[in-house]
Amino acid sequence: MILSLFQKIRAKWHNDITYRVALRSYQESIFSYIQNENAVRLFGGGTRPAYKYYKKLHELLNVRRVAGGFKYERLGNNGDGGYVVVTDESGCLSSCKTAYSFGIANDVSFDLELAKRGYEIFQYDHTIKRLPVQNEHFHWRKVGVAGKPSRRMDTLENLIRANGHENLSGIFLKMDIEGCEWDVINSLPPGWLKKFDQIALEFHDLLNYSVETMDKVLKTLSKIFQTHQAVHVHANNTGSVNYCGEFITPDFIEVTYVLKDKYKFSDENVSDVKLEIDQPNAPREDIELGIWNVN
C-alpha cells in the first residue's frame, strides 16, 4: 500500500521511474508530501516561506553542462568518498597541480586519484590520528577548518596563507566537513573563492527549517553563485528528502562547481541532472532528483 501511494505521488510530479528505498524513507517522503501539499493548498505555494526557500535554493543550484572539450569523471570509491569532477583532455581538474582536501576520515580514495595525476594535496582533518594511507603527494595536518580559529580549528584563509598559497590561483578544492562548510565559505574574504578553478563539496542540513539556517544556506549559495557555476548535483542517500510542490530537496547534496571565468557552458536545458557515472553513497537505491532546475 505504501509503495502504491508513493508511486502515485511520484507520478503526480514527474511521471518518472519507481523509487524504491527503505521504509523509513517512504514514511518521511509521504509525510513531507502531505504536510507540504496541505500548506501549499491552504496558504498558496508562492507565498509560503518554505516554498520560497526551496525555490531560491534550486535557482542558486541550477545545473549547467560544461562545454568545450571537457568531460565528467567520477574519482574515488563507488560509495561515499567519490566525487564527480570535470577534466580536460589531459585529465587535469584545474590549472595548477595544487589541491586542498577537507574531511578525510578513513577514505583517501579521491585524494589518491589526484596524486596519480600529479597533484600536491593539502589535507586537513582534526578527527583522525593518522591518514589511512600514506602517499608522497599528501600533506596532512591534524587541524579542522571552520569559520573562526580555535584550539583545533582554523579558517580556510589562514590555512592557505600558512602554505604560502595566498597568491596562487587555479586550485582544486574538495570539502566534506559535516555542516561547517556554510561558515567556512562565508568567512572567506571577497575574491578568495576565485582561487579555486573547481570545487567538489557536500552541503549538509538543507532541511533544517530554522530561519537562521535557511538564511545562512541561501547567503552561502548566493556568494558561491557570484563566481562559480554548479555543473553537477547528486543527493546523498543517507539523508532524508523533502517534497514541496514541484521541488525535491535532499538534506545532504554533493555539488560540483567550476569557476565561471574559466569555463564555457552549454545552452541546452538540463532536464535530468543525473549522470550515468553517479553512484549511491549508501548501498541502497539512489535518490532520484527528477526535475531539479528552475526554469
C-alpha atoms as a PDB file:
ATOM      1  CA  MET A   1       0.000   0.000   0.000  1.00  0.00           C
ATOM      2  CA  ILE A   2       2.836   2.389   0.905  1.00  0.00           C
ATOM      3  CA  LEU A   3       4.617   1.618  -2.362  1.00  0.00           C
ATOM      4  CA  SER A   4       1.415   2.184  -4.348  1.00  0.00           C
ATOM      5  CA  LEU A   5       0.782   5.543  -2.694  1.00  0.00           C
ATOM      6  CA  PHE A   6       4.361   6.615  -3.202  1.00  0.00           C
ATOM      7  CA  GLN A   7       4.206   5.677  -6.907  1.00  0.00           C
ATOM      8  CA  LYS A   8       1.144   7.878  -7.294  1.00  0.00           C
ATOM      9  CA  ILE A   9       2.910  10.761  -5.578  1.00  0.00           C
ATOM     10  CA  ARG A  10       5.899  10.447  -7.875  1.00  0.00           C
ATOM     11  CA  ALA A  11       3.680  10.211 -10.949  1.00  0.00           C
ATOM     12  CA  LYS A  12       1.880  13.409  -9.900  1.00  0.00           C
ATOM     13  CA  TRP A  13       5.152  15.353 -10.226  1.00  0.00           C
ATOM     14  CA  HIS A  14       7.393  13.824 -12.824  1.00  0.00           C
ATOM     15  CA  ASN A  15       5.948  10.582 -14.232  1.00  0.00           C
ATOM     16  CA  ASP A  16       9.377   9.068 -13.644  1.00  0.00           C
ATOM     17  CA  ILE A  17      10.646   5.674 -12.526  1.00  0.00           C
ATOM     18  CA  THR A  18       9.527   3.846  -9.405  1.00  0.00           C
ATOM     19  CA  TYR A  19      11.570   4.989  -6.412  1.00  0.00           C
ATOM     20  CA  ARG A  20      12.420   2.110  -4.080  1.00  0.00           C
ATOM     21  CA  VAL A  21      14.201   2.871  -0.829  1.00  0.00           C
ATOM     22  CA  ALA A  22      13.958   1.840   2.809  1.00  0.00           C
ATOM     23  CA  LEU A  23      10.584   2.004   4.586  1.00  0.00           C
ATOM     24  CA  ARG A  24      11.818   4.946   6.651  1.00  0.00           C
ATOM     25  CA  SER A  25      12.383   6.991   3.510  1.00  0.00           C
ATOM     26  CA  TYR A  26       8.881   6.151   2.248  1.00  0.00           C
ATOM     27  CA  GLN A  27       7.366   7.345   5.501  1.00  0.00           C
ATOM     28  CA  GLU A  28       9.391  10.553   5.542  1.00  0.00           C
ATOM     29  CA  SER A  29       8.596  11.276   1.905  1.00  0.00           C
ATOM     30  CA  ILE A  30       4.869  10.684   2.297  1.00  0.00           C
ATOM     31  CA  PHE A  31       4.770  12.788   5.464  1.00  0.00           C
ATOM     32  CA  SER A  32       6.576  15.695   3.808  1.00  0.00           C
ATOM     33  CA  TYR A  33       4.320  15.403   0.750  1.00  0.00           C
ATOM     34  CA  ILE A  34       1.106  15.545   2.798  1.00  0.00           C
ATOM     35  CA  GLN A  35       2.450  18.301   5.049  1.00  0.00           C
ATOM     36  CA  ASN A  36       3.648  20.499   2.206  1.00  0.00           C
ATOM     37  CA  GLU A  37       0.709  19.882  -0.123  1.00  0.00           C
ATOM     38  CA  ASN A  38      -1.725  20.889   2.632  1.00  0.00           C
ATOM     39  CA  ALA A  39       0.273  24.043   3.344  1.00  0.00           C
ATOM     40  CA  VAL A  40       0.507  24.949  -0.337  1.00  0.00           C
ATOM     41  CA  ARG A  41      -3.235  24.389  -0.723  1.00  0.00           C
ATOM     42  CA  LEU A  42      -4.102  26.470   2.345  1.00  0.00           C
ATOM     43  CA  PHE A  43      -1.610  29.313   2.029  1.00  0.00           C
ATOM     44  CA  GLY A  44      -0.505  29.264  -1.588  1.00  0.00           C
ATOM     45  CA  GLY A  45       2.855  27.880  -2.734  1.00  0.00           C
ATOM     46  CA  GLY A  46       4.212  31.205  -3.904  1.00  0.00           C
ATOM     47  CA  THR A  47       3.732  32.894  -0.529  1.00  0.00           C
ATOM     48  CA  ARG A  48       4.752  30.090   1.816  1.00  0.00           C
ATOM     49  CA  PRO A  49       8.226  30.746   3.369  1.00  0.00           C
ATOM     50  CA  ALA A  50       9.400  27.127   2.974  1.00  0.00           C
ATOM     51  CA  TYR A  51       8.305  27.064  -0.660  1.00  0.00           C
ATOM     52  CA  LYS A  52      10.194  30.303  -1.330  1.00  0.00           C
ATOM     53  CA  TYR A  53      13.268  28.837   0.374  1.00  0.00           C
ATOM     54  CA  TYR A  54      13.252  25.688  -1.781  1.00  0.00           C
ATOM     55  CA  LYS A  55      12.675  27.672  -4.968  1.00  0.00           C
ATOM     56  CA  LYS A  56      15.587  30.012  -4.254  1.00  0.00           C
ATOM     57  CA  LEU A  57      17.821  27.091  -3.268  1.00  0.00           C
ATOM     58  CA  HIS A  58      17.130  25.334  -6.568  1.00  0.00           C
ATOM     59  CA  GLU A  59      17.673  28.559  -8.520  1.00  0.00           C
ATOM     60  CA  LEU A  60      21.102  29.029  -6.947  1.00  0.00           C
ATOM     61  CA  LEU A  61      21.960  25.383  -7.681  1.00  0.00           C
ATOM     62  CA  ASN A  62      20.622  25.287 -11.239  1.00  0.00           C
ATOM     63  CA  VAL A  63      22.847  22.888 -13.186  1.00  0.00           C
ATOM     64  CA  ARG A  64      24.503  23.748 -16.481  1.00  0.00           C
ATOM     65  CA  ARG A  65      26.687  21.380 -18.501  1.00  0.00           C
ATOM     66  CA  VAL A  66      30.280  22.297 -19.289  1.00  0.00           C
ATOM     67  CA  ALA A  67      31.089  22.714 -22.976  1.00  0.00           C
ATOM     68  CA  GLY A  68      34.304  22.875 -24.985  1.00  0.00           C
ATOM     69  CA  GLY A  69      36.118  19.553 -24.821  1.00  0.00           C
ATOM     70  CA  PHE A  70      35.724  18.841 -21.102  1.00  0.00           C
ATOM     71  CA  LYS A  71      34.301  15.607 -19.705  1.00  0.00           C
ATOM     72  CA  TYR A  72      32.793  14.398 -16.457  1.00  0.00           C
ATOM     73  CA  GLU A  73      34.646  11.776 -14.420  1.00  0.00           C
ATOM     74  CA  ARG A  74      33.938  10.185 -11.070  1.00  0.00           C
ATOM     75  CA  LEU A  75      37.053   9.803  -8.909  1.00  0.00           C
ATOM     76  CA  GLY A  76      37.344   7.786  -5.704  1.00  0.00           C
ATOM     77  CA  ASN A  77      35.343   4.943  -4.224  1.00  0.00           C
ATOM     78  CA  ASN A  78      31.987   3.979  -5.681  1.00  0.00           C
ATOM     79  CA  GLY A  79      30.249   4.726  -2.392  1.00  0.00           C
ATOM     80  CA  ASP A  80      30.781   7.652  -0.062  1.00  0.00           C
ATOM     81  CA  GLY A  81      34.122   9.362  -0.711  1.00  0.00           C
ATOM     82  CA  GLY A  82      33.876   9.573  -4.507  1.00  0.00           C
ATOM     83  CA  TYR A  83      33.105  12.803  -6.367  1.00  0.00           C
ATOM     84  CA  VAL A  84      32.162  13.806  -9.893  1.00  0.00           C
ATOM     85  CA  VAL A  85      34.604  16.303 -11.395  1.00  0.00           C
ATOM     86  CA  VAL A  86      35.240  17.990 -14.736  1.00  0.00           C
ATOM     87  CA  THR A  87      38.510  17.176 -16.520  1.00  0.00           C
ATOM     88  CA  ASP A  88      40.221  18.425 -19.643  1.00  0.00           C
ATOM     89  CA  GLU A  89      41.741  16.258 -22.374  1.00  0.00           C
ATOM     90  CA  SER A  90      44.857  15.624 -20.261  1.00  0.00           C
ATOM     91  CA  GLY A  91      42.850  14.596 -17.186  1.00  0.00           C
ATOM     92  CA  CYS A  92      43.543  17.808 -15.237  1.00  0.00           C
ATOM     93  CA  LEU A  93      40.905  19.285 -12.925  1.00  0.00           C
ATOM     94  CA  SER A  94      42.445  22.750 -12.538  1.00  0.00           C
ATOM     95  CA  SER A  95      45.101  24.998 -13.984  1.00  0.00           C
ATOM     96  CA  CYS A  96      47.641  24.253 -11.239  1.00  0.00           C
ATOM     97  CA  LYS A  97      48.503  20.964  -9.543  1.00  0.00           C
ATOM     98  CA  THR A  98      47.582  22.070  -6.023  1.00  0.00           C
ATOM     99  CA  ALA A  99      44.539  20.696  -4.201  1.00  0.00           C
ATOM    100  CA  TYR A 100      43.001  21.224  -0.774  1.00  0.00           C
ATOM    101  CA  SER A 101      41.088  18.342   0.801  1.00  0.00           C
ATOM    102  CA  PHE A 102      38.995  18.932   3.932  1.00  0.00           C
ATOM    103  CA  GLY A 103      37.363  15.984   5.694  1.00  0.00           C
ATOM    104  CA  ILE A 104      39.349  12.745   5.403  1.00  0.00           C
ATOM    105  CA  ALA A 105      38.024  10.195   7.954  1.00  0.00           C
ATOM    106  CA  ASN A 106      39.138   6.742   6.738  1.00  0.00           C
ATOM    107  CA  ASP A 107      38.893   7.388   2.990  1.00  0.00           C
ATOM    108  CA  VAL A 108      41.562   8.970   0.779  1.00  0.00           C
ATOM    109  CA  SER A 109      40.474   7.255  -2.443  1.00  0.00           C
ATOM    110  CA  PHE A 110      39.653  10.583  -4.098  1.00  0.00           C
ATOM    111  CA  ASP A 111      42.947  12.122  -2.979  1.00  0.00           C
ATOM    112  CA  LEU A 112      44.871   9.130  -4.335  1.00  0.00           C
ATOM    113  CA  GLU A 113      43.340   9.745  -7.763  1.00  0.00           C
ATOM    114  CA  LEU A 114      44.561  13.338  -7.590  1.00  0.00           C
ATOM    115  CA  ALA A 115      48.013  12.156  -6.553  1.00  0.00           C
ATOM    116  CA  LYS A 116      48.177   9.895  -9.622  1.00  0.00           C
ATOM    117  CA  ARG A 117      47.571  12.981 -11.736  1.00  0.00           C
ATOM    118  CA  GLY A 118      50.482  14.818 -10.155  1.00  0.00           C
ATOM    119  CA  TYR A 119      48.623  16.948  -7.618  1.00  0.00           C
ATOM    120  CA  GLU A 120      50.066  18.013  -4.272  1.00  0.00           C
ATOM    121  CA  ILE A 121      47.179  17.565  -1.819  1.00  0.00           C
ATOM    122  CA  PHE A 122      46.997  19.595   1.383  1.00  0.00           C
ATOM    123  CA  GLN A 123      44.733  17.606   3.713  1.00  0.00           C
ATOM    124  CA  TYR A 124      43.028  18.607   6.942  1.00  0.00           C
ATOM    125  CA  ASP A 125      41.023  16.605   9.466  1.00  0.00           C
ATOM    126  CA  HIS A 126      41.153  17.071  13.235  1.00  0.00           C
ATOM    127  CA  THR A 127      39.089  13.918  13.944  1.00  0.00           C
ATOM    128  CA  ILE A 128      41.692  11.307  12.918  1.00  0.00           C
ATOM    129  CA  LYS A 129      45.043  10.248  14.397  1.00  0.00           C
ATOM    130  CA  ARG A 130      46.709   9.478  11.086  1.00  0.00           C
ATOM    131  CA  LEU A 131      45.961   9.062   7.403  1.00  0.00           C
ATOM    132  CA  PRO A 132      44.623   5.618   6.426  1.00  0.00           C
ATOM    133  CA  VAL A 133      47.101   5.544   3.519  1.00  0.00           C
ATOM    134  CA  GLN A 134      50.351   7.424   3.048  1.00  0.00           C
ATOM    135  CA  ASN A 135      51.465   8.997  -0.219  1.00  0.00           C
ATOM    136  CA  GLU A 136      54.385  11.235  -1.167  1.00  0.00           C
ATOM    137  CA  HIS A 137      51.926  13.822  -2.515  1.00  0.00           C
ATOM    138  CA  PHE A 138      49.916  14.010   0.731  1.00  0.00           C
ATOM    139  CA  HIS A 139      50.447  16.866   3.194  1.00  0.00           C
ATOM    140  CA  TRP A 140      48.150  16.208   6.158  1.00  0.00           C
ATOM    141  CA  ARG A 141      47.660  18.240   9.333  1.00  0.00           C
ATOM    142  CA  LYS A 142      45.501  17.324  12.305  1.00  0.00           C
ATOM    143  CA  VAL A 143      43.576  20.577  12.041  1.00  0.00           C
ATOM    144  CA  GLY A 144      39.948  21.237  11.222  1.00  0.00           C
ATOM    145  CA  VAL A 145      38.556  24.088   9.165  1.00  0.00           C
ATOM    146  CA  ALA A 146      35.909  26.470  10.500  1.00  0.00           C
ATOM    147  CA  GLY A 147      34.586  29.999  10.197  1.00  0.00           C
ATOM    148  CA  LYS A 148      36.674  31.180  13.179  1.00  0.00           C
ATOM    149  CA  PRO A 149      40.028  29.982  14.578  1.00  0.00           C
ATOM    150  CA  SER A 150      40.038  27.892  17.759  1.00  0.00           C
ATOM    151  CA  ARG A 151      42.334  25.422  19.525  1.00  0.00           C
ATOM    152  CA  ARG A 152      41.813  22.635  16.960  1.00  0.00           C
ATOM    153  CA  MET A 153      40.377  24.615  14.052  1.00  0.00           C
ATOM    154  CA  ASP A 154      41.455  27.366  11.696  1.00  0.00           C
ATOM    155  CA  THR A 155      39.975  29.317   8.803  1.00  0.00           C
ATOM    156  CA  LEU A 156      40.448  28.407   5.170  1.00  0.00           C
ATOM    157  CA  GLU A 157      42.156  31.735   4.581  1.00  0.00           C
ATOM    158  CA  ASN A 158      44.695  31.135   7.359  1.00  0.00           C
ATOM    159  CA  LEU A 159      45.461  27.599   6.180  1.00  0.00           C
ATOM    160  CA  ILE A 160      46.054  28.763   2.622  1.00  0.00           C
ATOM    161  CA  ARG A 161      48.329  31.557   3.869  1.00  0.00           C
ATOM    162  CA  ALA A 162      50.268  29.121   6.081  1.00  0.00           C
ATOM    163  CA  ASN A 163      51.173  27.127   2.961  1.00  0.00           C
ATOM    164  CA  GLY A 164      52.267  30.239   1.088  1.00  0.00           C
ATOM    165  CA  HIS A 165      49.397  29.921  -1.407  1.00  0.00           C
ATOM    166  CA  GLU A 166      47.705  33.276  -0.793  1.00  0.00           C
ATOM    167  CA  ASN A 167      48.747  34.470  -4.277  1.00  0.00           C
ATOM    168  CA  LEU A 168      48.084  31.147  -6.005  1.00  0.00           C
ATOM    169  CA  SER A 169      45.130  30.624  -8.343  1.00  0.00           C
ATOM    170  CA  GLY A 170      43.797  27.581 -10.193  1.00  0.00           C
ATOM    171  CA  ILE A 171      43.492  25.460  -7.019  1.00  0.00           C
ATOM    172  CA  PHE A 172      41.165  22.459  -6.702  1.00  0.00           C
ATOM    173  CA  LEU A 173      39.052  22.320  -3.529  1.00  0.00           C
ATOM    174  CA  LYS A 174      37.311  19.255  -2.017  1.00  0.00           C
ATOM    175  CA  MET A 175      35.284  19.695   1.157  1.00  0.00           C
ATOM    176  CA  ASP A 176      33.094  17.370   3.248  1.00  0.00           C
ATOM    177  CA  ILE A 177      33.035  18.821   6.761  1.00  0.00           C
ATOM    178  CA  GLU A 178      29.619  17.881   8.153  1.00  0.00           C
ATOM    179  CA  GLY A 179      27.870  21.236   8.145  1.00  0.00           C
ATOM    180  CA  CYS A 180      30.798  23.573   8.859  1.00  0.00           C
ATOM    181  CA  GLU A 181      31.001  24.464   5.150  1.00  0.00           C
ATOM    182  CA  TRP A 182      28.496  27.319   5.491  1.00  0.00           C
ATOM    183  CA  ASP A 183      30.630  29.265   7.987  1.00  0.00           C
ATOM    184  CA  VAL A 184      33.887  28.363   6.232  1.00  0.00           C
ATOM    185  CA  ILE A 185      32.758  29.766   2.889  1.00  0.00           C
ATOM    186  CA  ASN A 186      31.053  32.809   4.400  1.00  0.00           C
ATOM    187  CA  SER A 187      34.247  33.688   6.313  1.00  0.00           C
ATOM    188  CA  LEU A 188      36.355  33.912   3.130  1.00  0.00           C
ATOM    189  CA  PRO A 189      37.382  37.454   2.168  1.00  0.00           C
ATOM    190  CA  PRO A 190      35.953  38.929  -1.065  1.00  0.00           C
ATOM    191  CA  GLY A 191      37.597  37.447  -4.147  1.00  0.00           C
ATOM    192  CA  TRP A 192      39.117  34.425  -2.436  1.00  0.00           C
ATOM    193  CA  LEU A 193      36.694  31.956  -3.992  1.00  0.00           C
ATOM    194  CA  LYS A 194      38.225  32.834  -7.365  1.00  0.00           C
ATOM    195  CA  LYS A 195      41.376  30.999  -6.283  1.00  0.00           C
ATOM    196  CA  PHE A 196      39.532  27.734  -6.958  1.00  0.00           C
ATOM    197  CA  ASP A 197      39.064  26.559 -10.538  1.00  0.00           C
ATOM    198  CA  GLN A 198      36.828  23.769  -9.317  1.00  0.00           C
ATOM    199  CA  ILE A 199      35.078  22.884  -6.067  1.00  0.00           C
ATOM    200  CA  ALA A 200      33.602  19.489  -5.108  1.00  0.00           C
ATOM    201  CA  LEU A 201      31.786  19.589  -1.795  1.00  0.00           C
ATOM    202  CA  GLU A 202      28.915  18.167   0.173  1.00  0.00           C
ATOM    203  CA  PHE A 203      26.300  20.513   1.598  1.00  0.00           C
ATOM    204  CA  HIS A 204      24.552  19.465   4.820  1.00  0.00           C
ATOM    205  CA  ASP A 205      21.418  20.469   6.731  1.00  0.00           C
ATOM    206  CA  LEU A 206      19.460  21.780   3.758  1.00  0.00           C
ATOM    207  CA  LEU A 207      16.286  20.647   5.528  1.00  0.00           C
ATOM    208  CA  ASN A 208      16.977  22.460   8.777  1.00  0.00           C
ATOM    209  CA  TYR A 209      13.953  24.724   8.978  1.00  0.00           C
ATOM    210  CA  SER A 210      15.236  27.380  11.382  1.00  0.00           C
ATOM    211  CA  VAL A 211      15.167  30.851   9.861  1.00  0.00           C
ATOM    212  CA  GLU A 212      18.811  31.347  10.830  1.00  0.00           C
ATOM    213  CA  THR A 213      19.937  28.195   8.998  1.00  0.00           C
ATOM    214  CA  MET A 214      17.859  28.889   5.882  1.00  0.00           C
ATOM    215  CA  ASP A 215      19.274  32.415   5.706  1.00  0.00           C
ATOM    216  CA  LYS A 216      22.818  31.056   6.119  1.00  0.00           C
ATOM    217  CA  VAL A 217      22.288  28.460   3.376  1.00  0.00           C
ATOM    218  CA  LEU A 218      20.961  30.990   0.870  1.00  0.00           C
ATOM    219  CA  LYS A 219      23.621  33.541   1.773  1.00  0.00           C
ATOM    220  CA  THR A 220      26.392  30.985   1.176  1.00  0.00           C
ATOM    221  CA  LEU A 221      24.920  29.687  -2.081  1.00  0.00           C
ATOM    222  CA  SER A 222      24.492  33.274  -3.298  1.00  0.00           C
ATOM    223  CA  LYS A 223      28.137  34.012  -2.519  1.00  0.00           C
ATOM    224  CA  ILE A 224      29.361  30.968  -4.464  1.00  0.00           C
ATOM    225  CA  PHE A 225      26.986  31.727  -7.345  1.00  0.00           C
ATOM    226  CA  GLN A 226      28.717  35.063  -7.929  1.00  0.00           C
ATOM    227  CA  THR A 227      31.892  33.294  -9.087  1.00  0.00           C
ATOM    228  CA  HIS A 228      31.064  29.616  -9.720  1.00  0.00           C
ATOM    229  CA  GLN A 229      28.517  27.604 -11.668  1.00  0.00           C
ATOM    230  CA  ALA A 230      27.045  24.329 -10.431  1.00  0.00           C
ATOM    231  CA  VAL A 231      27.678  21.728 -13.136  1.00  0.00           C
ATOM    232  CA  HIS A 232      26.557  18.631 -11.232  1.00  0.00           C
ATOM    233  CA  VAL A 233      24.422  17.765  -8.210  1.00  0.00           C
ATOM    234  CA  HIS A 234      23.894  14.386  -6.575  1.00  0.00           C
ATOM    235  CA  ALA A 235      21.840  13.558  -3.493  1.00  0.00           C
ATOM    236  CA  ASN A 236      23.483  11.677  -0.646  1.00  0.00           C
ATOM    237  CA  ASN A 237      21.004   8.862   0.001  1.00  0.00           C
ATOM    238  CA  THR A 238      21.941   8.522   3.676  1.00  0.00           C
ATOM    239  CA  GLY A 239      19.808  11.586   4.410  1.00  0.00           C
ATOM    240  CA  SER A 240      16.103  12.341   4.180  1.00  0.00           C
ATOM    241  CA  VAL A 241      14.210  14.047   1.344  1.00  0.00           C
ATOM    242  CA  ASN A 242      11.586  16.779   1.344  1.00  0.00           C
ATOM    243  CA  TYR A 243       8.871  17.225  -1.293  1.00  0.00           C
ATOM    244  CA  CYS A 244       7.372  20.706  -1.520  1.00  0.00           C
ATOM    245  CA  GLY A 245       5.275  21.432  -4.574  1.00  0.00           C
ATOM    246  CA  GLU A 246       7.473  20.606  -7.572  1.00  0.00           C
ATOM    247  CA  PHE A 247      10.723  20.748  -5.592  1.00  0.00           C
ATOM    248  CA  ILE A 248      12.536  17.599  -4.490  1.00  0.00           C
ATOM    249  CA  THR A 249      15.261  18.535  -1.997  1.00  0.00           C
ATOM    250  CA  PRO A 250      17.585  16.175  -0.089  1.00  0.00           C
ATOM    251  CA  ASP A 251      19.100  17.024   3.285  1.00  0.00           C
ATOM    252  CA  PHE A 252      22.631  16.284   2.022  1.00  0.00           C
ATOM    253  CA  ILE A 253      23.772  17.009  -1.520  1.00  0.00           C
ATOM    254  CA  GLU A 254      27.076  16.731  -3.384  1.00  0.00           C
ATOM    255  CA  VAL A 255      27.772  19.631  -5.731  1.00  0.00           C
ATOM    256  CA  THR A 256      30.486  20.197  -8.322  1.00  0.00           C
ATOM    257  CA  TYR A 257      31.256  23.835  -9.146  1.00  0.00           C
ATOM    258  CA  VAL A 258      33.535  25.355 -11.769  1.00  0.00           C
ATOM    259  CA  LEU A 259      34.835  28.913 -11.990  1.00  0.00           C
ATOM    260  CA  LYS A 260      32.625  30.875 -14.379  1.00  0.00           C
ATOM    261  CA  ASP A 261      35.553  32.924 -15.738  1.00  0.00           C
ATOM    262  CA  LYS A 262      37.432  29.832 -16.966  1.00  0.00           C
ATOM    263  CA  TYR A 263      34.699  27.587 -18.410  1.00  0.00           C
ATOM    264  CA  LYS A 264      32.068  27.750 -21.128  1.00  0.00           C
ATOM    265  CA  PHE A 265      28.624  26.236 -20.715  1.00  0.00           C
ATOM    266  CA  SER A 266      26.139  24.554 -22.999  1.00  0.00           C
ATOM    267  CA  ASP A 267      22.844  26.311 -23.713  1.00  0.00           C
ATOM    268  CA  GLU A 268      20.945  23.032 -23.510  1.00  0.00           C
ATOM    269  CA  ASN A 269      18.166  22.734 -20.963  1.00  0.00           C
ATOM    270  CA  VAL A 270      19.242  20.156 -18.366  1.00  0.00           C
ATOM    271  CA  SER A 271      16.042  18.185 -17.799  1.00  0.00           C
ATOM    272  CA  ASP A 272      17.712  15.415 -15.786  1.00  0.00           C
ATOM    273  CA  VAL A 273      20.752  16.177 -13.614  1.00  0.00           C
ATOM    274  CA  LYS A 274      21.623  12.506 -13.146  1.00  0.00           C
ATOM    275  CA  LEU A 275      24.763  11.155 -14.835  1.00  0.00           C
ATOM    276  CA  GLU A 276      25.473   7.518 -15.663  1.00  0.00           C
ATOM    277  CA  ILE A 277      28.647   7.679 -13.564  1.00  0.00           C
ATOM    278  CA  ASP A 278      26.738   8.643 -10.384  1.00  0.00           C
ATOM    279  CA  GLN A 279      26.931   6.161  -7.511  1.00  0.00           C
ATOM    280  CA  PRO A 280      24.791   5.943  -4.340  1.00  0.00           C
ATOM    281  CA  ASN A 281      26.584   6.882  -1.122  1.00  0.00           C
ATOM    282  CA  ALA A 282      24.945   4.019   0.789  1.00  0.00           C
ATOM    283  CA  PRO A 283      24.228   0.503  -0.586  1.00  0.00           C
ATOM    284  CA  ARG A 284      20.561   1.093  -1.393  1.00  0.00           C
ATOM    285  CA  GLU A 285      18.592   2.750  -4.172  1.00  0.00           C
ATOM    286  CA  ASP A 286      19.829   6.221  -5.060  1.00  0.00           C
ATOM    287  CA  ILE A 287      17.634   9.292  -4.637  1.00  0.00           C
ATOM    288  CA  GLU A 288      16.108  10.477  -7.904  1.00  0.00           C
ATOM    289  CA  LEU A 289      16.070  14.270  -8.035  1.00  0.00           C
ATOM    290  CA  GLY A 290      13.730  14.363 -11.027  1.00  0.00           C
ATOM    291  CA  ILE A 291      13.283  17.846 -12.488  1.00  0.00           C
ATOM    292  CA  TRP A 292      15.838  19.791 -10.471  1.00  0.00           C
ATOM    293  CA  ASN A 293      16.387  23.035 -12.385  1.00  0.00           C
ATOM    294  CA  VAL A 294      14.132  26.046 -12.003  1.00  0.00           C
ATOM    295  CA  ASN A 295      13.430  27.435 -15.470  1.00  0.00           C
END
